[in-house]
């Protein structure tokens, strides 16, 4: 029916327009029977509910958190760590009847990403693995939006993180006890884009978590030779590509460390197709302890992925949360993929 408004529904039900509004916006203020009667009448009359953009203008609230990350949109649905983190964040968002707006901003400044951050209808921002100094952070600061990050080195004072350096040190100490002195670390980088895997310098590695994890390894293994290899993007196939290149070289290490579990799992696959056994012929370790790590027997650093999302959500949405900086625990989980360095 054309021209149906909130007042039309109110007249049909015999209640005030504010009561109809409450049926959509404040359902807890109405009895279930009355709200059902209002919604049934609205459906019969063809009324779709209050205009969301108008409601946002009146209230000054968009009802959404922007989730910023420097990757393609598909990453949020395919990377196990991202999926676990977003699931935890979504739990809290649902509790506070808030939506999540996924905002891939890329690793470099672009006009499209800057415009998206500038114009996004969001009340706050969850900064998920965005490196310090990214232009999107300056835009958020200029807008004065509340924000919380997964990295204490970001521009906001509200964060939930782990001690990346200490966690990586525990992994390095484990490898040292096993006698490993020749290590290849699989890192994310520009390799694989037509040129195949490449060896990288430390100053070419993305800042933030990767450099902190490398710092921890170097502190725990000062006598070791540590080489950095990139098979490309942080993904399983990149781990396969980088590890394959290493395994087929004449200068094979005794251990491969993936700075993420997905890369380490790719390395284990590269070993499998060559008839090599992780933990016997060569050690492989990861970082994060995603669900697939346990099934594969991967030695890794466990961090509470879902809890990280939940805590960050409460920093943004729960007024009762007063602690603004939360450091979550980590644990070295030793499984079959790590073993003594083979004698040469």
C-alpha atoms as a PDB file:
ATOM      1  CA  UNK A   1       0.000   0.000   0.000  1.00  0.00           C
ATOM      2  CA  UNK A   2       1.541   3.326  -1.067  1.00  0.00           C
ATOM      3  CA  UNK A   3       2.046   6.056   1.502  1.00  0.00           C
ATOM      4  CA  UNK A   4       1.928   3.787   4.549  1.00  0.00           C
ATOM      5  CA  UNK A   5       3.686   5.428   7.478  1.00  0.00           C
ATOM      6  CA  UNK A   6       4.288   4.775  11.139  1.00  0.00           C
ATOM      7  CA  UNK A   7       1.214   6.894  11.896  1.00  0.00           C
ATOM      8  CA  UNK A   8      -0.886   4.704   9.567  1.00  0.00           C
ATOM      9  CA  UNK A   9       0.067   1.615  11.561  1.00  0.00           C
ATOM     10  CA  UNK A  10      -0.567   3.396  14.864  1.00  0.00           C
ATOM     11  CA  UNK A  11      -4.079   4.364  13.763  1.00  0.00           C
ATOM     12  CA  UNK A  12      -4.849   0.838  12.555  1.00  0.00           C
ATOM     13  CA  UNK A  13      -3.772  -0.736  15.858  1.00  0.00           C
ATOM     14  CA  UNK A  14      -5.210   2.010  18.044  1.00  0.00           C
ATOM     15  CA  UNK A  15      -1.952   3.037  19.715  1.00  0.00           C
ATOM     16  CA  UNK A  16       0.316   6.068  19.631  1.00  0.00           C
ATOM     17  CA  UNK A  17       3.032   6.490  16.982  1.00  0.00           C
ATOM     18  CA  UNK A  18       5.674   6.307  19.736  1.00  0.00           C
ATOM     19  CA  UNK A  19       4.347   2.870  20.718  1.00  0.00           C
ATOM     20  CA  UNK A  20       4.779   1.670  17.129  1.00  0.00           C
ATOM     21  CA  UNK A  21       8.281   3.124  17.129  1.00  0.00           C
ATOM     22  CA  UNK A  22       9.064   1.244  20.329  1.00  0.00           C
ATOM     23  CA  UNK A  23       7.961  -2.004  18.685  1.00  0.00           C
ATOM     24  CA  UNK A  24      10.973  -1.620  16.347  1.00  0.00           C
ATOM     25  CA  UNK A  25      13.500   0.292  18.413  1.00  0.00           C
ATOM     26  CA  UNK A  26      12.724  -0.554  22.077  1.00  0.00           C
ATOM     27  CA  UNK A  27      10.897  -3.899  22.045  1.00  0.00           C
ATOM     28  CA  UNK A  28      11.652  -4.513  25.718  1.00  0.00           C
ATOM     29  CA  UNK A  29       9.259  -1.680  26.606  1.00  0.00           C
ATOM     30  CA  UNK A  30       6.257  -3.509  25.132  1.00  0.00           C
ATOM     31  CA  UNK A  31       4.518  -6.742  25.977  1.00  0.00           C
ATOM     32  CA  UNK A  32       5.121  -9.568  23.531  1.00  0.00           C
ATOM     33  CA  UNK A  33       1.446  -9.669  22.589  1.00  0.00           C
ATOM     34  CA  UNK A  34       1.261  -5.945  21.803  1.00  0.00           C
ATOM     35  CA  UNK A  35       4.477  -5.965  19.785  1.00  0.00           C
ATOM     36  CA  UNK A  36       3.307  -8.992  17.785  1.00  0.00           C
ATOM     37  CA  UNK A  37      -0.010  -7.211  17.071  1.00  0.00           C
ATOM     38  CA  UNK A  38       1.799  -4.098  15.859  1.00  0.00           C
ATOM     39  CA  UNK A  39       4.206  -6.030  13.633  1.00  0.00           C
ATOM     40  CA  UNK A  40       1.374  -8.107  12.181  1.00  0.00           C
ATOM     41  CA  UNK A  41      -0.577  -4.957  11.300  1.00  0.00           C
ATOM     42  CA  UNK A  42       2.529  -3.385   9.780  1.00  0.00           C
ATOM     43  CA  UNK A  43       3.100  -6.473   7.653  1.00  0.00           C
ATOM     44  CA  UNK A  44      -0.518  -6.493   6.468  1.00  0.00           C
ATOM     45  CA  UNK A  45      -0.348  -2.802   5.565  1.00  0.00           C
ATOM     46  CA  UNK A  46       3.010  -3.177   3.820  1.00  0.00           C
ATOM     47  CA  UNK A  47       4.985  -1.032   6.262  1.00  0.00           C
ATOM     48  CA  UNK A  48       8.663  -2.032   6.277  1.00  0.00           C
ATOM     49  CA  UNK A  49       9.648  -0.203   9.461  1.00  0.00           C
ATOM     50  CA  UNK A  50      11.368   3.086  10.328  1.00  0.00           C
ATOM     51  CA  UNK A  51      13.893   4.424   7.829  1.00  0.00           C
ATOM     52  CA  UNK A  52      17.320   3.395   9.060  1.00  0.00           C
ATOM     53  CA  UNK A  53      19.189   6.444   7.756  1.00  0.00           C
ATOM     54  CA  UNK A  54      16.641   8.826   9.236  1.00  0.00           C
ATOM     55  CA  UNK A  55      16.808   7.045  12.568  1.00  0.00           C
ATOM     56  CA  UNK A  56      20.602   7.306  12.549  1.00  0.00           C
ATOM     57  CA  UNK A  57      20.410  11.048  11.869  1.00  0.00           C
ATOM     58  CA  UNK A  58      17.985  11.560  14.758  1.00  0.00           C
ATOM     59  CA  UNK A  59      19.941   9.476  17.242  1.00  0.00           C
ATOM     60  CA  UNK A  60      23.430  10.359  16.088  1.00  0.00           C
ATOM     61  CA  UNK A  61      24.224   6.629  16.111  1.00  0.00           C
ATOM     62  CA  UNK A  62      24.871   4.393  13.132  1.00  0.00           C
ATOM     63  CA  UNK A  63      24.560   1.155  15.108  1.00  0.00           C
ATOM     64  CA  UNK A  64      27.722  -0.280  13.557  1.00  0.00           C
ATOM     65  CA  UNK A  65      31.394  -0.891  14.288  1.00  0.00           C
ATOM     66  CA  UNK A  66      33.869  -0.611  11.431  1.00  0.00           C
ATOM     67  CA  UNK A  67      36.426  -3.430  11.319  1.00  0.00           C
ATOM     68  CA  UNK A  68      39.574  -2.210   9.576  1.00  0.00           C
ATOM     69  CA  UNK A  69      42.108  -4.687   8.195  1.00  0.00           C
ATOM     70  CA  UNK A  70      44.824  -4.469   5.557  1.00  0.00           C
ATOM     71  CA  UNK A  71      43.796  -7.261   3.241  1.00  0.00           C
ATOM     72  CA  UNK A  72      41.211  -8.233   0.658  1.00  0.00           C
ATOM     73  CA  UNK A  73      37.614  -8.629   1.798  1.00  0.00           C
ATOM     74  CA  UNK A  74      37.748 -12.382   1.148  1.00  0.00           C
ATOM     75  CA  UNK A  75      40.423 -12.667   3.864  1.00  0.00           C
ATOM     76  CA  UNK A  76      37.779 -12.108   6.535  1.00  0.00           C
ATOM     77  CA  UNK A  77      35.952 -15.244   5.394  1.00  0.00           C
ATOM     78  CA  UNK A  78      38.872 -17.495   4.461  1.00  0.00           C
ATOM     79  CA  UNK A  79      41.659 -16.940   6.986  1.00  0.00           C
ATOM     80  CA  UNK A  80      41.056 -19.118  10.087  1.00  0.00           C
ATOM     81  CA  UNK A  81      42.512 -16.542  12.467  1.00  0.00           C
ATOM     82  CA  UNK A  82      40.342 -13.754  11.050  1.00  0.00           C
ATOM     83  CA  UNK A  83      37.255 -15.979  11.160  1.00  0.00           C
ATOM     84  CA  UNK A  84      37.843 -16.836  14.828  1.00  0.00           C
ATOM     85  CA  UNK A  85      38.539 -13.236  15.803  1.00  0.00           C
ATOM     86  CA  UNK A  86      35.467 -11.892  13.992  1.00  0.00           C
ATOM     87  CA  UNK A  87      33.275 -14.596  15.523  1.00  0.00           C
ATOM     88  CA  UNK A  88      34.313 -13.439  18.997  1.00  0.00           C
ATOM     89  CA  UNK A  89      33.751  -9.786  18.099  1.00  0.00           C
ATOM     90  CA  UNK A  90      30.347 -10.612  16.594  1.00  0.00           C
ATOM     91  CA  UNK A  91      29.225 -12.316  19.821  1.00  0.00           C
ATOM     92  CA  UNK A  92      29.607  -9.065  21.729  1.00  0.00           C
ATOM     93  CA  UNK A  93      28.178  -6.966  18.884  1.00  0.00           C
ATOM     94  CA  UNK A  94      25.029  -9.111  18.894  1.00  0.00           C
ATOM     95  CA  UNK A  95      24.708  -8.654  22.650  1.00  0.00           C
ATOM     96  CA  UNK A  96      24.656  -4.870  22.153  1.00  0.00           C
ATOM     97  CA  UNK A  97      22.525  -5.013  18.959  1.00  0.00           C
ATOM     98  CA  UNK A  98      25.339  -3.591  16.877  1.00  0.00           C
ATOM     99  CA  UNK A  99      26.399  -4.477  13.345  1.00  0.00           C
ATOM    100  CA  UNK A 100      29.883  -5.040  11.967  1.00  0.00           C
ATOM    101  CA  UNK A 101      31.031  -3.240   8.824  1.00  0.00           C
ATOM    102  CA  UNK A 102      34.064  -4.950   7.257  1.00  0.00           C
ATOM    103  CA  UNK A 103      36.469  -2.341   5.862  1.00  0.00           C
ATOM    104  CA  UNK A 104      39.518  -3.623   3.942  1.00  0.00           C
ATOM    105  CA  UNK A 105      41.899  -0.666   3.651  1.00  0.00           C
ATOM    106  CA  UNK A 106      44.904  -2.248   1.909  1.00  0.00           C
ATOM    107  CA  UNK A 107      48.537  -1.999   2.926  1.00  0.00           C
ATOM    108  CA  UNK A 108      49.004   1.328   1.139  1.00  0.00           C
ATOM    109  CA  UNK A 109      46.960   4.519   0.996  1.00  0.00           C
ATOM    110  CA  UNK A 110      44.444   4.701  -1.853  1.00  0.00           C
ATOM    111  CA  UNK A 111      41.755   7.228  -2.643  1.00  0.00           C
ATOM    112  CA  UNK A 112      39.042   4.562  -2.385  1.00  0.00           C
ATOM    113  CA  UNK A 113      40.068   3.295   1.056  1.00  0.00           C
ATOM    114  CA  UNK A 114      40.534   6.823   2.425  1.00  0.00           C
ATOM    115  CA  UNK A 115      37.108   7.855   1.184  1.00  0.00           C
ATOM    116  CA  UNK A 116      35.535   4.713   2.638  1.00  0.00           C
ATOM    117  CA  UNK A 117      36.986   5.389   6.098  1.00  0.00           C
ATOM    118  CA  UNK A 118      36.044   9.055   5.904  1.00  0.00           C
ATOM    119  CA  UNK A 119      32.421   8.418   4.916  1.00  0.00           C
ATOM    120  CA  UNK A 120      31.644   5.153   6.719  1.00  0.00           C
ATOM    121  CA  UNK A 121      28.523   5.281   8.905  1.00  0.00           C
ATOM    122  CA  UNK A 122      30.116   3.783  12.023  1.00  0.00           C
ATOM    123  CA  UNK A 123      30.129   4.638  15.728  1.00  0.00           C
ATOM    124  CA  UNK A 124      33.550   3.133  16.497  1.00  0.00           C
ATOM    125  CA  UNK A 125      36.390   1.224  14.893  1.00  0.00           C
ATOM    126  CA  UNK A 126      38.000  -2.146  15.585  1.00  0.00           C
ATOM    127  CA  UNK A 127      41.543  -1.938  14.220  1.00  0.00           C
ATOM    128  CA  UNK A 128      42.475  -5.490  13.267  1.00  0.00           C
ATOM    129  CA  UNK A 129      46.123  -6.014  12.302  1.00  0.00           C
ATOM    130  CA  UNK A 130      46.599  -2.557  10.754  1.00  0.00           C
ATOM    131  CA  UNK A 131      50.238  -1.415  10.976  1.00  0.00           C
ATOM    132  CA  UNK A 132      51.213   1.719  12.854  1.00  0.00           C
ATOM    133  CA  UNK A 133      51.267   4.799  10.634  1.00  0.00           C
ATOM    134  CA  UNK A 134      48.625   3.599   8.173  1.00  0.00           C
ATOM    135  CA  UNK A 135      46.779   6.622   6.695  1.00  0.00           C
ATOM    136  CA  UNK A 136      43.391   5.184   7.689  1.00  0.00           C
ATOM    137  CA  UNK A 137      44.321   5.662  11.346  1.00  0.00           C
ATOM    138  CA  UNK A 138      44.861   9.382  10.820  1.00  0.00           C
ATOM    139  CA  UNK A 139      41.408   9.642   9.267  1.00  0.00           C
ATOM    140  CA  UNK A 140      39.818   7.863  12.223  1.00  0.00           C
ATOM    141  CA  UNK A 141      41.628  10.179  14.624  1.00  0.00           C
ATOM    142  CA  UNK A 142      40.432  13.233  12.682  1.00  0.00           C
ATOM    143  CA  UNK A 143      36.845  11.981  12.912  1.00  0.00           C
ATOM    144  CA  UNK A 144      37.183  11.531  16.659  1.00  0.00           C
ATOM    145  CA  UNK A 145      35.767   8.015  16.563  1.00  0.00           C
ATOM    146  CA  UNK A 146      36.354   5.660  19.514  1.00  0.00           C
ATOM    147  CA  UNK A 147      38.681   2.844  18.534  1.00  0.00           C
ATOM    148  CA  UNK A 148      40.320  -0.262  19.928  1.00  0.00           C
ATOM    149  CA  UNK A 149      43.152  -2.201  18.310  1.00  0.00           C
ATOM    150  CA  UNK A 150      44.782  -5.627  18.302  1.00  0.00           C
ATOM    151  CA  UNK A 151      48.209  -4.011  18.483  1.00  0.00           C
ATOM    152  CA  UNK A 152      49.465  -1.806  21.361  1.00  0.00           C
ATOM    153  CA  UNK A 153      51.633   0.138  18.892  1.00  0.00           C
ATOM    154  CA  UNK A 154      48.564   1.627  17.213  1.00  0.00           C
ATOM    155  CA  UNK A 155      47.378   5.190  17.679  1.00  0.00           C
ATOM    156  CA  UNK A 156      44.648   4.361  20.201  1.00  0.00           C
ATOM    157  CA  UNK A 157      45.145   3.804  23.938  1.00  0.00           C
ATOM    158  CA  UNK A 158      42.553   0.990  23.938  1.00  0.00           C
ATOM    159  CA  UNK A 159      43.876  -2.381  22.849  1.00  0.00           C
ATOM    160  CA  UNK A 160      43.820  -6.125  23.389  1.00  0.00           C
ATOM    161  CA  UNK A 161      46.969  -7.980  22.411  1.00  0.00           C
ATOM    162  CA  UNK A 162      49.486 -10.643  23.296  1.00  0.00           C
ATOM    163  CA  UNK A 163      53.170 -10.243  24.087  1.00  0.00           C
ATOM    164  CA  UNK A 164      54.351 -11.171  20.606  1.00  0.00           C
ATOM    165  CA  UNK A 165      58.046 -10.957  21.474  1.00  0.00           C
ATOM    166  CA  UNK A 166      57.793 -13.144  24.586  1.00  0.00           C
ATOM    167  CA  UNK A 167      55.656 -15.704  22.762  1.00  0.00           C
ATOM    168  CA  UNK A 168      58.148 -15.966  19.914  1.00  0.00           C
ATOM    169  CA  UNK A 169      60.997 -16.223  22.415  1.00  0.00           C
ATOM    170  CA  UNK A 170      59.384 -19.291  23.973  1.00  0.00           C
ATOM    171  CA  UNK A 171      59.232 -20.847  20.517  1.00  0.00           C
ATOM    172  CA  UNK A 172      62.860 -19.951  19.821  1.00  0.00           C
ATOM    173  CA  UNK A 173      63.955 -21.407  23.155  1.00  0.00           C
ATOM    174  CA  UNK A 174      62.147 -24.638  22.278  1.00  0.00           C
ATOM    175  CA  UNK A 175      63.998 -24.846  18.958  1.00  0.00           C
ATOM    176  CA  UNK A 176      67.311 -24.085  20.662  1.00  0.00           C
ATOM    177  CA  UNK A 177      66.781 -26.920  23.163  1.00  0.00           C
ATOM    178  CA  UNK A 178      66.227 -29.246  20.222  1.00  0.00           C
ATOM    179  CA  UNK A 179      69.571 -28.238  18.732  1.00  0.00           C
ATOM    180  CA  UNK A 180      68.344 -26.124  15.808  1.00  0.00           C
ATOM    181  CA  UNK A 181      70.773 -23.476  14.608  1.00  0.00           C
ATOM    182  CA  UNK A 182      69.721 -23.098  10.968  1.00  0.00           C
ATOM    183  CA  UNK A 183      66.199 -21.679  10.623  1.00  0.00           C
ATOM    184  CA  UNK A 184      64.051 -20.459   7.750  1.00  0.00           C
ATOM    185  CA  UNK A 185      61.115 -18.233   8.672  1.00  0.00           C
ATOM    186  CA  UNK A 186      58.180 -18.024   6.266  1.00  0.00           C
ATOM    187  CA  UNK A 187      56.924 -14.440   6.165  1.00  0.00           C
ATOM    188  CA  UNK A 188      54.316 -12.541   4.217  1.00  0.00           C
ATOM    189  CA  UNK A 189      55.710 -10.474   1.368  1.00  0.00           C
ATOM    190  CA  UNK A 190      55.518  -9.490  -2.248  1.00  0.00           C
ATOM    191  CA  UNK A 191      57.199 -12.655  -3.560  1.00  0.00           C
ATOM    192  CA  UNK A 192      55.180 -15.158  -5.625  1.00  0.00           C
ATOM    193  CA  UNK A 193      53.702 -12.437  -7.834  1.00  0.00           C
ATOM    194  CA  UNK A 194      55.136 -13.785 -11.054  1.00  0.00           C
ATOM    195  CA  UNK A 195      58.655 -14.137  -9.663  1.00  0.00           C
ATOM    196  CA  UNK A 196      58.160 -17.025  -7.245  1.00  0.00           C
ATOM    197  CA  UNK A 197      59.432 -17.255  -3.663  1.00  0.00           C
ATOM    198  CA  UNK A 198      62.120 -14.811  -2.595  1.00  0.00           C
ATOM    199  CA  UNK A 199      64.517 -14.367   0.300  1.00  0.00           C
ATOM    200  CA  UNK A 200      63.766 -11.157   2.173  1.00  0.00           C
ATOM    201  CA  UNK A 201      65.571  -8.687   4.384  1.00  0.00           C
ATOM    202  CA  UNK A 202      64.206  -7.734   7.781  1.00  0.00           C
ATOM    203  CA  UNK A 203      63.456  -4.173   6.638  1.00  0.00           C
ATOM    204  CA  UNK A 204      61.187  -5.590   3.910  1.00  0.00           C
ATOM    205  CA  UNK A 205      58.887  -7.349   6.394  1.00  0.00           C
ATOM    206  CA  UNK A 206      55.613  -5.652   7.324  1.00  0.00           C
ATOM    207  CA  UNK A 207      55.794  -3.861  10.665  1.00  0.00           C
ATOM    208  CA  UNK A 208      53.712  -4.946  13.642  1.00  0.00           C
ATOM    209  CA  UNK A 209      53.193  -8.581  14.588  1.00  0.00           C
ATOM    210  CA  UNK A 210      55.652 -10.063  12.028  1.00  0.00           C
ATOM    211  CA  UNK A 211      58.586  -7.909  13.113  1.00  0.00           C
ATOM    212  CA  UNK A 212      57.800  -8.481  16.805  1.00  0.00           C
ATOM    213  CA  UNK A 213      57.742 -12.254  16.312  1.00  0.00           C
ATOM    214  CA  UNK A 214      61.038 -12.099  14.442  1.00  0.00           C
ATOM    215  CA  UNK A 215      62.486 -10.018  17.259  1.00  0.00           C
ATOM    216  CA  UNK A 216      61.508 -12.693  19.767  1.00  0.00           C
ATOM    217  CA  UNK A 217      63.082 -15.457  17.692  1.00  0.00           C
ATOM    218  CA  UNK A 218      66.316 -13.525  17.294  1.00  0.00           C
ATOM    219  CA  UNK A 219      66.506 -12.794  21.024  1.00  0.00           C
ATOM    220  CA  UNK A 220      66.039 -16.469  21.895  1.00  0.00           C
ATOM    221  CA  UNK A 221      68.393 -17.748  19.183  1.00  0.00           C
ATOM    222  CA  UNK A 222      71.335 -15.314  19.001  1.00  0.00           C
ATOM    223  CA  UNK A 223      73.673 -17.990  17.643  1.00  0.00           C
ATOM    224  CA  UNK A 224      71.321 -19.277  14.961  1.00  0.00           C
ATOM    225  CA  UNK A 225      71.302 -18.430  11.276  1.00  0.00           C
ATOM    226  CA  UNK A 226      67.801 -17.132  10.571  1.00  0.00           C
ATOM    227  CA  UNK A 227      66.736 -16.585   6.967  1.00  0.00           C
ATOM    228  CA  UNK A 228      63.469 -14.999   5.845  1.00  0.00           C
ATOM    229  CA  UNK A 229      61.602 -16.437   2.857  1.00  0.00           C
ATOM    230  CA  UNK A 230      58.323 -15.284   1.353  1.00  0.00           C
ATOM    231  CA  UNK A 231      56.079 -17.308  -0.887  1.00  0.00           C
ATOM    232  CA  UNK A 232      53.656 -14.364  -1.116  1.00  0.00           C
ATOM    233  CA  UNK A 233      50.479 -13.524   0.722  1.00  0.00           C
ATOM    234  CA  UNK A 234      49.797 -14.967   4.189  1.00  0.00           C
ATOM    235  CA  UNK A 235      48.060 -18.130   3.025  1.00  0.00           C
ATOM    236  CA  UNK A 236      48.417 -21.911   2.873  1.00  0.00           C
ATOM    237  CA  UNK A 237      49.539 -21.889  -0.768  1.00  0.00           C
ATOM    238  CA  UNK A 238      52.232 -19.337   0.023  1.00  0.00           C
ATOM    239  CA  UNK A 239      53.526 -21.647   2.731  1.00  0.00           C
ATOM    240  CA  UNK A 240      53.638 -24.482   0.207  1.00  0.00           C
ATOM    241  CA  UNK A 241      55.482 -22.321  -2.316  1.00  0.00           C
ATOM    242  CA  UNK A 242      58.003 -20.875   0.132  1.00  0.00           C
ATOM    243  CA  UNK A 243      58.755 -24.202   1.795  1.00  0.00           C
ATOM    244  CA  UNK A 244      59.020 -26.010  -1.547  1.00  0.00           C
ATOM    245  CA  UNK A 245      61.655 -23.529  -2.672  1.00  0.00           C
ATOM    246  CA  UNK A 246      63.572 -24.043   0.585  1.00  0.00           C
ATOM    247  CA  UNK A 247      63.306 -27.838   0.555  1.00  0.00           C
ATOM    248  CA  UNK A 248      64.497 -28.086  -3.039  1.00  0.00           C
ATOM    249  CA  UNK A 249      67.528 -25.891  -2.429  1.00  0.00           C
ATOM    250  CA  UNK A 250      71.022 -27.139  -1.665  1.00  0.00           C
ATOM    251  CA  UNK A 251      71.015 -25.173   1.594  1.00  0.00           C
ATOM    252  CA  UNK A 252      68.180 -26.831   3.488  1.00  0.00           C
ATOM    253  CA  UNK A 253      67.612 -25.675   7.121  1.00  0.00           C
ATOM    254  CA  UNK A 254      66.843 -27.943  10.050  1.00  0.00           C
ATOM    255  CA  UNK A 255      63.636 -26.075  10.931  1.00  0.00           C
ATOM    256  CA  UNK A 256      60.971 -23.992   9.177  1.00  0.00           C
ATOM    257  CA  UNK A 257      59.025 -21.479  11.259  1.00  0.00           C
ATOM    258  CA  UNK A 258      55.766 -20.127   9.886  1.00  0.00           C
ATOM    259  CA  UNK A 259      54.867 -16.737  11.333  1.00  0.00           C
ATOM    260  CA  UNK A 260      51.299 -17.999  11.022  1.00  0.00           C
ATOM    261  CA  UNK A 261      49.821 -21.478  11.225  1.00  0.00           C
ATOM    262  CA  UNK A 262      48.486 -21.343   7.678  1.00  0.00           C
ATOM    263  CA  UNK A 263      52.002 -20.894   6.308  1.00  0.00           C
ATOM    264  CA  UNK A 264      53.362 -23.635   8.583  1.00  0.00           C
ATOM    265  CA  UNK A 265      50.617 -26.007   7.443  1.00  0.00           C
ATOM    266  CA  UNK A 266      51.604 -25.223   3.863  1.00  0.00           C
ATOM    267  CA  UNK A 267      55.191 -26.136   4.735  1.00  0.00           C
ATOM    268  CA  UNK A 268      54.018 -29.477   6.138  1.00  0.00           C
ATOM    269  CA  UNK A 269      52.207 -30.162   2.872  1.00  0.00           C
ATOM    270  CA  UNK A 270      55.367 -29.363   0.900  1.00  0.00           C
ATOM    271  CA  UNK A 271      57.224 -31.897   3.052  1.00  0.00           C
ATOM    272  CA  UNK A 272      54.513 -34.525   2.606  1.00  0.00           C
ATOM    273  CA  UNK A 273      54.704 -34.504  -1.195  1.00  0.00           C
ATOM    274  CA  UNK A 274      58.484 -34.971  -0.925  1.00  0.00           C
ATOM    275  CA  UNK A 275      58.180 -37.915   1.412  1.00  0.00           C
ATOM    276  CA  UNK A 276      59.544 -35.982   4.388  1.00  0.00           C
ATOM    277  CA  UNK A 277      58.172 -36.343   7.917  1.00  0.00           C
ATOM    278  CA  UNK A 278      57.784 -33.222  10.099  1.00  0.00           C
ATOM    279  CA  UNK A 279      59.545 -33.662  13.418  1.00  0.00           C
ATOM    280  CA  UNK A 280      61.859 -36.349  12.052  1.00  0.00           C
ATOM    281  CA  UNK A 281      63.415 -35.053   8.839  1.00  0.00           C
ATOM    282  CA  UNK A 282      62.828 -31.375   9.524  1.00  0.00           C
ATOM    283  CA  UNK A 283      60.976 -29.399  12.209  1.00  0.00           C
ATOM    284  CA  UNK A 284      58.011 -27.159  11.359  1.00  0.00           C
ATOM    285  CA  UNK A 285      56.377 -24.725  13.785  1.00  0.00           C
ATOM    286  CA  UNK A 286      53.610 -22.152  13.503  1.00  0.00           C
ATOM    287  CA  UNK A 287      51.935 -19.364  15.405  1.00  0.00           C
ATOM    288  CA  UNK A 288      48.294 -18.845  16.588  1.00  0.00           C
ATOM    289  CA  UNK A 289      47.005 -22.421  17.122  1.00  0.00           C
ATOM    290  CA  UNK A 290      44.099 -22.318  14.688  1.00  0.00           C
ATOM    291  CA  UNK A 291      41.781 -25.386  14.800  1.00  0.00           C
ATOM    292  CA  UNK A 292      43.620 -27.184  11.975  1.00  0.00           C
ATOM    293  CA  UNK A 293      46.934 -27.028  13.863  1.00  0.00           C
ATOM    294  CA  UNK A 294      45.986 -29.665  16.427  1.00  0.00           C
ATOM    295  CA  UNK A 295      44.719 -32.085  13.800  1.00  0.00           C
ATOM    296  CA  UNK A 296      47.973 -31.699  11.846  1.00  0.00           C
ATOM    297  CA  UNK A 297      50.153 -32.183  14.923  1.00  0.00           C
ATOM    298  CA  UNK A 298      51.695 -28.729  14.486  1.00  0.00           C
ATOM    299  CA  UNK A 299      53.856 -27.288  17.243  1.00  0.00           C
ATOM    300  CA  UNK A 300      52.728 -23.687  17.636  1.00  0.00           C
ATOM    301  CA  UNK A 301      52.041 -20.756  19.925  1.00  0.00           C
ATOM    302  CA  UNK A 302      48.490 -20.804  21.239  1.00  0.00           C
ATOM    303  CA  UNK A 303      46.701 -17.514  21.624  1.00  0.00           C
ATOM    304  CA  UNK A 304      42.989 -17.120  22.547  1.00  0.00           C
ATOM    305  CA  UNK A 305      41.725 -15.982  19.141  1.00  0.00           C
ATOM    306  CA  UNK A 306      38.002 -15.771  19.860  1.00  0.00           C
ATOM    307  CA  UNK A 307      38.600 -14.179  23.259  1.00  0.00           C
ATOM    308  CA  UNK A 308      40.667 -11.464  21.593  1.00  0.00           C
ATOM    309  CA  UNK A 309      37.623 -10.532  19.498  1.00  0.00           C
ATOM    310  CA  UNK A 310      35.290 -10.643  22.503  1.00  0.00           C
ATOM    311  CA  UNK A 311      37.514  -8.452  24.664  1.00  0.00           C
ATOM    312  CA  UNK A 312      37.981  -5.907  21.882  1.00  0.00           C
ATOM    313  CA  UNK A 313      34.206  -5.807  21.397  1.00  0.00           C
ATOM    314  CA  UNK A 314      33.689  -5.028  25.084  1.00  0.00           C
ATOM    315  CA  UNK A 315      36.308  -2.284  24.967  1.00  0.00           C
ATOM    316  CA  UNK A 316      34.174  -0.606  22.299  1.00  0.00           C
ATOM    317  CA  UNK A 317      30.645  -1.384  23.435  1.00  0.00           C
ATOM    318  CA  UNK A 318      30.411  -2.274  27.114  1.00  0.00           C
ATOM    319  CA  UNK A 319      30.325   0.768  29.440  1.00  0.00           C
ATOM    320  CA  UNK A 320      31.135  -1.543  32.360  1.00  0.00           C
ATOM    321  CA  UNK A 321      34.551  -2.349  30.848  1.00  0.00           C
ATOM    322  CA  UNK A 322      37.008   0.014  32.506  1.00  0.00           C
ATOM    323  CA  UNK A 323      40.315  -1.685  31.713  1.00  0.00           C
ATOM    324  CA  UNK A 324      41.512  -0.202  28.428  1.00  0.00           C
ATOM    325  CA  UNK A 325      44.640  -2.283  27.791  1.00  0.00           C
ATOM    326  CA  UNK A 326      44.384  -6.064  27.973  1.00  0.00           C
ATOM    327  CA  UNK A 327      47.292  -8.466  27.516  1.00  0.00           C
ATOM    328  CA  UNK A 328      46.097 -12.004  26.857  1.00  0.00           C
ATOM    329  CA  UNK A 329      48.163 -15.096  27.741  1.00  0.00           C
ATOM    330  CA  UNK A 330      49.943 -17.343  25.251  1.00  0.00           C
ATOM    331  CA  UNK A 331      51.282 -20.878  25.514  1.00  0.00           C
ATOM    332  CA  UNK A 332      53.797 -22.964  23.592  1.00  0.00           C
ATOM    333  CA  UNK A 333      51.998 -26.118  22.448  1.00  0.00           C
ATOM    334  CA  UNK A 334      54.477 -28.857  21.525  1.00  0.00           C
ATOM    335  CA  UNK A 335      53.237 -31.463  19.066  1.00  0.00           C
ATOM    336  CA  UNK A 336      54.766 -34.007  16.677  1.00  0.00           C
ATOM    337  CA  UNK A 337      55.960 -31.520  14.034  1.00  0.00           C
ATOM    338  CA  UNK A 338      58.983 -30.484  16.122  1.00  0.00           C
ATOM    339  CA  UNK A 339      61.920 -32.750  16.986  1.00  0.00           C
ATOM    340  CA  UNK A 340      65.696 -32.752  17.422  1.00  0.00           C
ATOM    341  CA  UNK A 341      67.769 -31.183  14.698  1.00  0.00           C
ATOM    342  CA  UNK A 342      68.961 -33.936  12.316  1.00  0.00           C
ATOM    343  CA  UNK A 343      72.682 -34.603  12.383  1.00  0.00           C
ATOM    344  CA  UNK A 344      74.606 -33.582   9.290  1.00  0.00           C
END
